[in-house]
C-alpha atoms as a PDB file:
ATOM      1  CA  MET A   1       6.097  -6.225  -2.187  1.00  0.00           C
ATOM      2  CA  ASP A   2       5.306  -9.881  -2.943  1.00  0.00           C
ATOM      3  CA  GLN A   3       2.408  -9.836  -0.452  1.00  0.00           C
ATOM      4  CA  VAL A   4       1.065  -6.611  -1.940  1.00  0.00           C
ATOM      5  CA  SER A   5       1.303  -8.033  -5.476  1.00  0.00           C
ATOM      6  CA  ALA A   6      -0.425 -11.259  -4.403  1.00  0.00           C
ATOM      7  CA  TRP A   7      -3.271  -9.299  -2.809  1.00  0.00           C
ATOM      8  CA  LEU A   8      -3.667  -7.127  -5.932  1.00  0.00           C
ATOM      9  CA  HIS A   9      -3.813 -10.210  -8.159  1.00  0.00           C
ATOM     10  CA  GLU A  10      -6.446 -11.688  -5.870  1.00  0.00           C
ATOM     11  CA  LYS A  11      -8.555  -8.551  -6.099  1.00  0.00           C
ATOM     12  CA  ASN A  12      -8.014  -8.177  -9.859  1.00  0.00           C
ATOM     13  CA  PRO A  13      -8.282 -11.692 -11.304  1.00  0.00           C
ATOM     14  CA  GLY A  14      -7.991 -10.410 -14.902  1.00  0.00           C
ATOM     15  CA  LEU A  15      -4.405  -9.332 -14.340  1.00  0.00           C
ATOM     16  CA  ASP A  16      -1.807 -11.313 -16.211  1.00  0.00           C
ATOM     17  CA  GLY A  17       1.848 -11.280 -15.282  1.00  0.00           C
ATOM     18  CA  PRO A  18       3.647  -8.776 -13.106  1.00  0.00           C
ATOM     19  CA  ILE A  19       1.978  -5.581 -12.024  1.00  0.00           C
ATOM     20  CA  GLY A  20       3.452  -2.387 -13.256  1.00  0.00           C
ATOM     21  CA  VAL A  21       4.549  -0.042 -10.452  1.00  0.00           C
ATOM     22  CA  ASP A  22       2.404   2.781 -11.925  1.00  0.00           C
ATOM     23  CA  GLU A  23      -0.867   0.847 -12.361  1.00  0.00           C
ATOM     24  CA  ASP A  24      -4.006   2.016 -10.543  1.00  0.00           C
ATOM     25  CA  LEU A  25      -5.663  -1.160  -9.152  1.00  0.00           C
ATOM     26  CA  ILE A  26      -7.406  -0.452  -5.825  1.00  0.00           C
ATOM     27  CA  ASP A  27     -11.044   0.540  -5.693  1.00  0.00           C
ATOM     28  CA  SER A  28     -12.786   2.229  -2.807  1.00  0.00           C
ATOM     29  CA  MET A  29     -14.402  -1.044  -1.688  1.00  0.00           C
ATOM     30  CA  ASP A  30     -11.001  -2.622  -1.044  1.00  0.00           C
ATOM     31  CA  PHE A  31      -9.167   0.412   0.314  1.00  0.00           C
ATOM     32  CA  LEU A  32      -9.457  -0.291   4.053  1.00  0.00           C
ATOM     33  CA  GLU A  33      -8.516  -3.916   3.565  1.00  0.00           C
ATOM     34  CA  PHE A  34      -5.444  -2.728   1.632  1.00  0.00           C
ATOM     35  CA  VAL A  35      -4.495  -0.336   4.473  1.00  0.00           C
ATOM     36  CA  ASP A  36      -4.789  -3.233   6.944  1.00  0.00           C
ATOM     37  CA  LEU A  37      -2.456  -5.314   4.728  1.00  0.00           C
ATOM     38  CA  LEU A  38       0.111  -2.503   4.589  1.00  0.00           C
ATOM     39  CA  GLU A  39      -0.030  -2.087   8.374  1.00  0.00           C
ATOM     40  CA  GLU A  40       0.504  -5.824   8.823  1.00  0.00           C
ATOM     41  CA  ILE A  41       3.462  -5.940   6.448  1.00  0.00           C
ATOM     42  CA  SER A  42       5.107  -2.750   7.708  1.00  0.00           C
ATOM     43  CA  GLY A  43       4.433  -3.274  11.378  1.00  0.00           C
ATOM     44  CA  SER A  44       3.308   0.365  11.607  1.00  0.00           C
ATOM     45  CA  SER A  45      -0.131   1.872  11.851  1.00  0.00           C
ATOM     46  CA  ILE A  46      -1.250   4.229   9.085  1.00  0.00           C
ATOM     47  CA  ASP A  47      -3.031   7.363  10.299  1.00  0.00           C
ATOM     48  CA  LEU A  48      -5.542   8.144   7.533  1.00  0.00           C
ATOM     49  CA  GLN A  49      -5.543  11.776   8.638  1.00  0.00           C
ATOM     50  CA  GLU A  50      -1.880  12.046   7.629  1.00  0.00           C
ATOM     51  CA  VAL A  51      -1.948  10.443   4.174  1.00  0.00           C
ATOM     52  CA  THR A  52      -3.482  11.352   0.814  1.00  0.00           C
ATOM     53  CA  ILE A  53      -4.997   9.208  -1.873  1.00  0.00           C
ATOM     54  CA  ASP A  54      -1.788   9.817  -3.893  1.00  0.00           C
ATOM     55  CA  ASP A  55       0.109   7.783  -1.282  1.00  0.00           C
ATOM     56  CA  PHE A  56      -1.851   4.742  -2.452  1.00  0.00           C
ATOM     57  CA  ARG A  57      -2.186   5.458  -6.162  1.00  0.00           C
ATOM     58  CA  THR A  58       0.726   3.338  -7.457  1.00  0.00           C
ATOM     59  CA  LEU A  59       2.860   0.445  -6.228  1.00  0.00           C
ATOM     60  CA  ALA A  60       5.906   2.685  -6.511  1.00  0.00           C
ATOM     61  CA  ARG A  61       4.355   5.251  -4.169  1.00  0.00           C
ATOM     62  CA  VAL A  62       3.050   2.599  -1.762  1.00  0.00           C
ATOM     63  CA  LYS A  63       6.496   1.093  -1.494  1.00  0.00           C
ATOM     64  CA  GLU A  64       8.143   4.500  -1.034  1.00  0.00           C
ATOM     65  CA  ARG A  65       5.627   5.775   1.504  1.00  0.00           C
ATOM     66  CA  PHE A  66       4.885   2.682   3.595  1.00  0.00           C
ATOM     67  CA  LEU A  67       7.333  -0.109   2.957  1.00  0.00           C
ATOM     68  CA  ASP A  68      10.746   1.540   2.576  1.00  0.00           C
ATOM     69  CA  PRO A  69      12.355   2.167   5.949  1.00  0.00           C
ATOM     70  CA  ALA A  70      12.974   5.868   5.150  1.00  0.00           C
ATOM     71  CA  GLY A  71       9.339   6.323   4.064  1.00  0.00           C
ATOM     72  CA  HIS A  72       7.739   5.960   7.453  1.00  0.00           C
ATOM     73  CA  ALA A  73       9.701   7.500  10.269  1.00  0.00           C
ATOM     74  CA  GLU A  74       8.533   6.814  13.789  1.00  0.00           C
ATOM     75  CA  VAL A  75       7.055   9.817  15.580  1.00  0.00           C
ATOM     76  CA  PRO A  76       9.012  10.377  18.774  1.00  0.00           C
ATOM     77  CA  ALA A  77       7.017  10.048  21.991  1.00  0.00           C
ATOM     78  CA  GLY A  78       6.894  13.084  24.051  1.00  0.00           C
END
């Protein structure tokens, strides 16, 4: 989460202190860059056809959906 927080601070220079897990900080111009960051951190690709905007709305949801091991199960090949 440190990398995510650092990226959010970079994109929102007016932020002071820690970011609340329920703050809404990503605009549409930075969305794809944020998805790339999450893919890099998690080591998993994010299929934009399988997610909703709510999956990105808060840090708590981002962590749950993309960064917690139980949040992104691998799809078995077959």
